[in-house]
Amino acid sequence: ARLSSARTALAREQRRLAAALGSARAAQAA
């Protein structure tokens, strides 16, 4: 259960963070 929950939370956080980082880098480049 902990493995499943941790993997789900990490995957969700990783997707959110990747999107935010991509947007921030694009804004910086602009």
PDB file of all heavy atoms in Angstrom:
ATOM      1  N   ALA A   1       0.837  -1.209   0.000  1.00  0.00           N
ATOM      2  CA  ALA A   1       0.000   0.000   0.000  1.00  0.00           C
ATOM      3  C   ALA A   1       0.869   1.256   0.000  1.00  0.00           C
ATOM      4  O   ALA A   1       0.597   2.226  -0.726  1.00  0.00           O
ATOM      5  CB  ALA A   1      -0.928  -0.002   1.213  1.00  0.00           C
ATOM      6  N   ARG A   2       1.931   1.242   0.834  1.00  0.00           N
ATOM      7  CA  ARG A   2       2.818   2.407   0.889  1.00  0.00           C
ATOM      8  C   ARG A   2       3.538   2.601  -0.436  1.00  0.00           C
ATOM      9  O   ARG A   2       3.710   3.719  -0.921  1.00  0.00           O
ATOM     10  CB  ARG A   2       3.826   2.231   2.026  1.00  0.00           C
ATOM     11  CG  ARG A   2       4.726   3.437   2.227  1.00  0.00           C
ATOM     12  CD  ARG A   2       5.526   3.350   3.514  1.00  0.00           C
ATOM     13  NE  ARG A   2       6.434   2.192   3.501  1.00  0.00           N
ATOM     14  CZ  ARG A   2       6.249   1.094   4.201  1.00  0.00           C
ATOM     15  NH1 ARG A   2       5.181   0.967   4.983  1.00  0.00           N
ATOM     16  NH2 ARG A   2       7.123   0.092   4.144  1.00  0.00           N
ATOM     17  N   LEU A   3       3.958   1.477  -1.031  1.00  0.00           N
ATOM     18  CA  LEU A   3       4.622   1.544  -2.324  1.00  0.00           C
ATOM     19  C   LEU A   3       3.714   2.144  -3.383  1.00  0.00           C
ATOM     20  O   LEU A   3       4.103   3.031  -4.144  1.00  0.00           O
ATOM     21  CB  LEU A   3       5.069   0.150  -2.740  1.00  0.00           C
ATOM     22  CG  LEU A   3       5.643   0.006  -4.158  1.00  0.00           C
ATOM     23  CD1 LEU A   3       6.887   0.847  -4.311  1.00  0.00           C
ATOM     24  CD2 LEU A   3       5.930  -1.463  -4.476  1.00  0.00           C
ATOM     25  N   SER A   4       2.480   1.674  -3.430  1.00  0.00           N
ATOM     26  CA  SER A   4       1.522   2.174  -4.424  1.00  0.00           C
ATOM     27  C   SER A   4       1.225   3.645  -4.214  1.00  0.00           C
ATOM     28  O   SER A   4       1.224   4.448  -5.154  1.00  0.00           O
ATOM     29  CB  SER A   4       0.231   1.362  -4.350  1.00  0.00           C
ATOM     30  OG  SER A   4      -0.730   1.854  -5.248  1.00  0.00           O
ATOM     31  N   SER A   5       0.990   4.035  -2.948  1.00  0.00           N
ATOM     32  CA  SER A   5       0.689   5.431  -2.643  1.00  0.00           C
ATOM     33  C   SER A   5       1.875   6.336  -2.947  1.00  0.00           C
ATOM     34  O   SER A   5       1.721   7.421  -3.529  1.00  0.00           O
ATOM     35  CB  SER A   5       0.293   5.557  -1.170  1.00  0.00           C
ATOM     36  OG  SER A   5       0.043   6.905  -0.834  1.00  0.00           O
ATOM     37  N   ALA A   6       3.070   5.894  -2.552  1.00  0.00           N
ATOM     38  CA  ALA A   6       4.262   6.711  -2.778  1.00  0.00           C
ATOM     39  C   ALA A   6       4.536   6.871  -4.267  1.00  0.00           C
ATOM     40  O   ALA A   6       4.877   7.960  -4.735  1.00  0.00           O
ATOM     41  CB  ALA A   6       5.462   6.079  -2.073  1.00  0.00           C
ATOM     42  N   ARG A   7       4.384   5.794  -5.015  1.00  0.00           N
ATOM     43  CA  ARG A   7       4.617   5.885  -6.458  1.00  0.00           C
ATOM     44  C   ARG A   7       3.625   6.834  -7.122  1.00  0.00           C
ATOM     45  O   ARG A   7       3.992   7.630  -7.983  1.00  0.00           O
ATOM     46  CB  ARG A   7       4.512   4.490  -7.084  1.00  0.00           C
ATOM     47  CG  ARG A   7       5.736   3.617  -6.867  1.00  0.00           C
ATOM     48  CD  ARG A   7       5.564   2.269  -7.506  1.00  0.00           C
ATOM     49  NE  ARG A   7       6.792   1.470  -7.429  1.00  0.00           N
ATOM     50  CZ  ARG A   7       6.888   0.207  -7.808  1.00  0.00           C
ATOM     51  NH1 ARG A   7       5.818  -0.425  -8.297  1.00  0.00           N
ATOM     52  NH2 ARG A   7       8.041  -0.445  -7.711  1.00  0.00           N
ATOM     53  N   THR A   8       2.364   6.757  -6.705  1.00  0.00           N
ATOM     54  CA  THR A   8       1.344   7.639  -7.278  1.00  0.00           C
ATOM     55  C   THR A   8       1.641   9.100  -6.959  1.00  0.00           C
ATOM     56  O   THR A   8       1.578   9.976  -7.828  1.00  0.00           O
ATOM     57  CB  THR A   8      -0.044   7.260  -6.736  1.00  0.00           C
ATOM     58  OG1 THR A   8      -0.332   5.902  -7.074  1.00  0.00           O
ATOM     59  CG2 THR A   8      -1.117   8.168  -7.324  1.00  0.00           C
ATOM     60  N   ALA A   9       1.977   9.361  -5.674  1.00  0.00           N
ATOM     61  CA  ALA A   9       2.259  10.732  -5.264  1.00  0.00           C
ATOM     62  C   ALA A   9       3.497  11.278  -5.958  1.00  0.00           C
ATOM     63  O   ALA A   9       3.519  12.428  -6.436  1.00  0.00           O
ATOM     64  CB  ALA A   9       2.436  10.798  -3.743  1.00  0.00           C
ATOM     65  N   LEU A  10       4.537  10.453  -6.050  1.00  0.00           N
ATOM     66  CA  LEU A  10       5.762  10.904  -6.707  1.00  0.00           C
ATOM     67  C   LEU A  10       5.548  11.153  -8.191  1.00  0.00           C
ATOM     68  O   LEU A  10       6.062  12.122  -8.752  1.00  0.00           O
ATOM     69  CB  LEU A  10       6.874   9.879  -6.500  1.00  0.00           C
ATOM     70  CG  LEU A  10       7.568   9.895  -5.130  1.00  0.00           C
ATOM     71  CD1 LEU A  10       8.563   8.749  -5.024  1.00  0.00           C
ATOM     72  CD2 LEU A  10       8.269  11.226  -4.890  1.00  0.00           C
ATOM     73  N   ALA A  11       4.792  10.287  -8.829  1.00  0.00           N
ATOM     74  CA  ALA A  11       4.510  10.471 -10.256  1.00  0.00           C
ATOM     75  C   ALA A  11       3.714  11.752 -10.501  1.00  0.00           C
ATOM     76  O   ALA A  11       3.994  12.513 -11.435  1.00  0.00           O
ATOM     77  CB  ALA A  11       3.747   9.259 -10.798  1.00  0.00           C
ATOM     78  N   ARG A  12       2.722  11.989  -9.633  1.00  0.00           N
ATOM     79  CA  ARG A  12       1.924  13.212  -9.765  1.00  0.00           C
ATOM     80  C   ARG A  12       2.779  14.456  -9.534  1.00  0.00           C
ATOM     81  O   ARG A  12       2.699  15.435 -10.286  1.00  0.00           O
ATOM     82  CB  ARG A  12       0.763  13.162  -8.776  1.00  0.00           C
ATOM     83  CG  ARG A  12      -0.166  14.372  -8.875  1.00  0.00           C
ATOM     84  CD  ARG A  12      -1.413  14.182  -8.037  1.00  0.00           C
ATOM     85  NE  ARG A  12      -1.102  13.935  -6.628  1.00  0.00           N
ATOM     86  CZ  ARG A  12      -1.271  12.777  -6.022  1.00  0.00           C
ATOM     87  NH1 ARG A  12      -1.742  11.729  -6.676  1.00  0.00           N
ATOM     88  NH2 ARG A  12      -0.969  12.637  -4.733  1.00  0.00           N
ATOM     89  N   GLU A  13       3.607  14.426  -8.500  1.00  0.00           N
ATOM     90  CA  GLU A  13       4.476  15.568  -8.202  1.00  0.00           C
ATOM     91  C   GLU A  13       5.509  15.781  -9.302  1.00  0.00           C
ATOM     92  O   GLU A  13       5.825  16.903  -9.669  1.00  0.00           O
ATOM     93  CB  GLU A  13       5.179  15.342  -6.860  1.00  0.00           C
ATOM     94  CG  GLU A  13       6.112  16.459  -6.434  1.00  0.00           C
ATOM     95  CD  GLU A  13       5.397  17.756  -6.118  1.00  0.00           C
ATOM     96  OE1 GLU A  13       4.144  17.747  -6.051  1.00  0.00           O
ATOM     97  OE2 GLU A  13       6.075  18.775  -5.950  1.00  0.00           O
ATOM     98  N   GLN A  14       6.002  14.675  -9.844  1.00  0.00           N
ATOM     99  CA  GLN A  14       6.985  14.783 -10.911  1.00  0.00           C
ATOM    100  C   GLN A  14       6.374  15.413 -12.158  1.00  0.00           C
ATOM    101  O   GLN A  14       6.997  16.260 -12.809  1.00  0.00           O
ATOM    102  CB  GLN A  14       7.555  13.404 -11.248  1.00  0.00           C
ATOM    103  CG  GLN A  14       8.751  13.444 -12.192  1.00  0.00           C
ATOM    104  CD  GLN A  14       9.420  12.099 -12.318  1.00  0.00           C
ATOM    105  OE1 GLN A  14       8.856  11.078 -11.922  1.00  0.00           O
ATOM    106  NE2 GLN A  14      10.621  12.073 -12.858  1.00  0.00           N
ATOM    107  N   ARG A  15       5.162  15.022 -12.495  1.00  0.00           N
ATOM    108  CA  ARG A  15       4.490  15.624 -13.660  1.00  0.00           C
ATOM    109  C   ARG A  15       4.243  17.110 -13.436  1.00  0.00           C
ATOM    110  O   ARG A  15       4.471  17.937 -14.323  1.00  0.00           O
ATOM    111  CB  ARG A  15       3.173  14.897 -13.936  1.00  0.00           C
ATOM    112  CG  ARG A  15       3.329  13.488 -14.509  1.00  0.00           C
ATOM    113  CD  ARG A  15       2.008  12.972 -15.046  1.00  0.00           C
ATOM    114  NE  ARG A  15       0.998  12.888 -14.005  1.00  0.00           N
ATOM    115  CZ  ARG A  15       0.790  11.813 -13.256  1.00  0.00           C
ATOM    116  NH1 ARG A  15       1.550  10.739 -13.411  1.00  0.00           N
ATOM    117  NH2 ARG A  15      -0.171  11.799 -12.342  1.00  0.00           N
ATOM    118  N   ARG A  16       3.759  17.465 -12.229  1.00  0.00           N
ATOM    119  CA  ARG A  16       3.485  18.879 -11.931  1.00  0.00           C
ATOM    120  C   ARG A  16       4.758  19.706 -11.954  1.00  0.00           C
ATOM    121  O   ARG A  16       4.802  20.804 -12.513  1.00  0.00           O
ATOM    122  CB  ARG A  16       2.820  18.991 -10.563  1.00  0.00           C
ATOM    123  CG  ARG A  16       2.317  20.394 -10.229  1.00  0.00           C
ATOM    124  CD  ARG A  16       1.961  20.512  -8.763  1.00  0.00           C
ATOM    125  NE  ARG A  16       3.158  20.416  -7.939  1.00  0.00           N
ATOM    126  CZ  ARG A  16       3.969  21.433  -7.709  1.00  0.00           C
ATOM    127  NH1 ARG A  16       3.747  22.602  -8.253  1.00  0.00           N
ATOM    128  NH2 ARG A  16       5.033  21.276  -6.944  1.00  0.00           N
ATOM    129  N   LEU A  17       5.795  19.141 -11.368  1.00  0.00           N
ATOM    130  CA  LEU A  17       7.063  19.858 -11.306  1.00  0.00           C
ATOM    131  C   LEU A  17       7.688  20.010 -12.691  1.00  0.00           C
ATOM    132  O   LEU A  17       8.231  21.063 -13.031  1.00  0.00           O
ATOM    133  CB  LEU A  17       8.017  19.116 -10.372  1.00  0.00           C
ATOM    134  CG  LEU A  17       9.316  19.827 -10.004  1.00  0.00           C
ATOM    135  CD1 LEU A  17       9.025  21.149  -9.321  1.00  0.00           C
ATOM    136  CD2 LEU A  17      10.153  18.947  -9.098  1.00  0.00           C
ATOM    137  N   ALA A  18       7.595  18.972 -13.495  1.00  0.00           N
ATOM    138  CA  ALA A  18       8.144  19.042 -14.855  1.00  0.00           C
ATOM    139  C   ALA A  18       7.422  20.100 -15.677  1.00  0.00           C
ATOM    140  O   ALA A  18       8.052  20.855 -16.429  1.00  0.00           O
ATOM    141  CB  ALA A  18       8.039  17.671 -15.527  1.00  0.00           C
ATOM    142  N   ALA A  19       6.092  20.168 -15.526  1.00  0.00           N
ATOM    143  CA  ALA A  19       5.320  21.183 -16.261  1.00  0.00           C
ATOM    144  C   ALA A  19       5.689  22.584 -15.793  1.00  0.00           C
ATOM    145  O   ALA A  19       5.884  23.503 -16.603  1.00  0.00           O
ATOM    146  CB  ALA A  19       3.826  20.933 -16.070  1.00  0.00           C
ATOM    147  N   ALA A  20       5.790  22.769 -14.468  1.00  0.00           N
ATOM    148  CA  ALA A  20       6.134  24.082 -13.930  1.00  0.00           C
ATOM    149  C   ALA A  20       7.542  24.495 -14.336  1.00  0.00           C
ATOM    150  O   ALA A  20       7.793  25.654 -14.696  1.00  0.00           O
ATOM    151  CB  ALA A  20       6.006  24.075 -12.404  1.00  0.00           C
ATOM    152  N   LEU A  21       8.467  23.547 -14.296  1.00  0.00           N
ATOM    153  CA  LEU A  21       9.845  23.853 -14.670  1.00  0.00           C
ATOM    154  C   LEU A  21       9.956  24.175 -16.151  1.00  0.00           C
ATOM    155  O   LEU A  21      10.668  25.104 -16.554  1.00  0.00           O
ATOM    156  CB  LEU A  21      10.750  22.671 -14.307  1.00  0.00           C
ATOM    157  CG  LEU A  21      12.256  22.865 -14.471  1.00  0.00           C
ATOM    158  CD1 LEU A  21      12.729  24.080 -13.683  1.00  0.00           C
ATOM    159  CD2 LEU A  21      13.010  21.626 -14.022  1.00  0.00           C
ATOM    160  N   GLY A  22       9.228  23.423 -16.969  1.00  0.00           N
ATOM    161  CA  GLY A  22       9.233  23.725 -18.401  1.00  0.00           C
ATOM    162  C   GLY A  22       8.671  25.101 -18.696  1.00  0.00           C
ATOM    163  O   GLY A  22       9.219  25.848 -19.515  1.00  0.00           O
ATOM    164  N   SER A  23       7.581  25.443 -18.012  1.00  0.00           N
ATOM    165  CA  SER A  23       6.981  26.763 -18.205  1.00  0.00           C
ATOM    166  C   SER A  23       7.923  27.868 -17.734  1.00  0.00           C
ATOM    167  O   SER A  23       8.068  28.903 -18.395  1.00  0.00           O
ATOM    168  CB  SER A  23       5.661  26.831 -17.432  1.00  0.00           C
ATOM    169  OG  SER A  23       5.091  28.115 -17.518  1.00  0.00           O
ATOM    170  N   ALA A  24       8.580  27.642 -16.588  1.00  0.00           N
ATOM    171  CA  ALA A  24       9.489  28.648 -16.057  1.00  0.00           C
ATOM    172  C   ALA A  24      10.693  28.847 -16.970  1.00  0.00           C
ATOM    173  O   ALA A  24      11.143  29.978 -17.199  1.00  0.00           O
ATOM    174  CB  ALA A  24       9.949  28.257 -14.652  1.00  0.00           C
ATOM    175  N   ARG A  25      11.215  27.758 -17.491  1.00  0.00           N
ATOM    176  CA  ARG A  25      12.358  27.883 -18.405  1.00  0.00           C
ATOM    177  C   ARG A  25      11.960  28.568 -19.704  1.00  0.00           C
ATOM    178  O   ARG A  25      12.739  29.348 -20.270  1.00  0.00           O
ATOM    179  CB  ARG A  25      12.928  26.489 -18.691  1.00  0.00           C
ATOM    180  CG  ARG A  25      13.748  25.927 -17.529  1.00  0.00           C
ATOM    181  CD  ARG A  25      14.174  24.504 -17.776  1.00  0.00           C
ATOM    182  NE  ARG A  25      15.065  24.022 -16.722  1.00  0.00           N
ATOM    183  CZ  ARG A  25      15.372  22.754 -16.516  1.00  0.00           C
ATOM    184  NH1 ARG A  25      14.826  21.814 -17.294  1.00  0.00           N
ATOM    185  NH2 ARG A  25      16.194  22.404 -15.550  1.00  0.00           N
ATOM    186  N   ALA A  26      10.761  28.282 -20.189  1.00  0.00           N
ATOM    187  CA  ALA A  26      10.278  28.955 -21.397  1.00  0.00           C
ATOM    188  C   ALA A  26      10.111  30.447 -21.151  1.00  0.00           C
ATOM    189  O   ALA A  26      10.461  31.274 -22.007  1.00  0.00           O
ATOM    190  CB  ALA A  26       8.955  28.340 -21.841  1.00  0.00           C
ATOM    191  N   ALA A  27       9.577  30.809 -19.969  1.00  0.00           N
ATOM    192  CA  ALA A  27       9.418  32.222 -19.631  1.00  0.00           C
ATOM    193  C   ALA A  27      10.772  32.909 -19.534  1.00  0.00           C
ATOM    194  O   ALA A  27      10.949  34.040 -20.007  1.00  0.00           O
ATOM    195  CB  ALA A  27       8.661  32.362 -18.314  1.00  0.00           C
ATOM    196  N   GLN A  28      11.743  32.235 -18.950  1.00  0.00           N
ATOM    197  CA  GLN A  28      13.080  32.813 -18.842  1.00  0.00           C
ATOM    198  C   GLN A  28      13.692  33.014 -20.231  1.00  0.00           C
ATOM    199  O   GLN A  28      14.297  34.057 -20.513  1.00  0.00           O
ATOM    200  CB  GLN A  28      13.978  31.917 -17.993  1.00  0.00           C
ATOM    201  CG  GLN A  28      15.407  32.454 -17.851  1.00  0.00           C
ATOM    202  CD  GLN A  28      16.287  31.550 -17.019  1.00  0.00           C
ATOM    203  OE1 GLN A  28      15.788  30.753 -16.237  1.00  0.00           O
ATOM    204  NE2 GLN A  28      17.591  31.657 -17.184  1.00  0.00           N
ATOM    205  N   ALA A  29      13.532  32.015 -21.098  1.00  0.00           N
ATOM    206  CA  ALA A  29      14.072  32.128 -22.458  1.00  0.00           C
ATOM    207  C   ALA A  29      13.414  33.280 -23.208  1.00  0.00           C
ATOM    208  O   ALA A  29      14.082  34.025 -23.945  1.00  0.00           O
ATOM    209  CB  ALA A  29      13.868  30.815 -23.208  1.00  0.00           C
ATOM    210  N   ALA A  30      12.095  33.444 -23.029  1.00  0.00           N
ATOM    211  CA  ALA A  30      11.386  34.539 -23.692  1.00  0.00           C
ATOM    212  C   ALA A  30      11.893  35.888 -23.189  1.00  0.00           C
ATOM    213  O   ALA A  30      12.077  36.832 -23.970  1.00  0.00           O
ATOM    214  CB  ALA A  30       9.882  34.419 -23.452  1.00  0.00           C
TER     215      ALA A  30
END
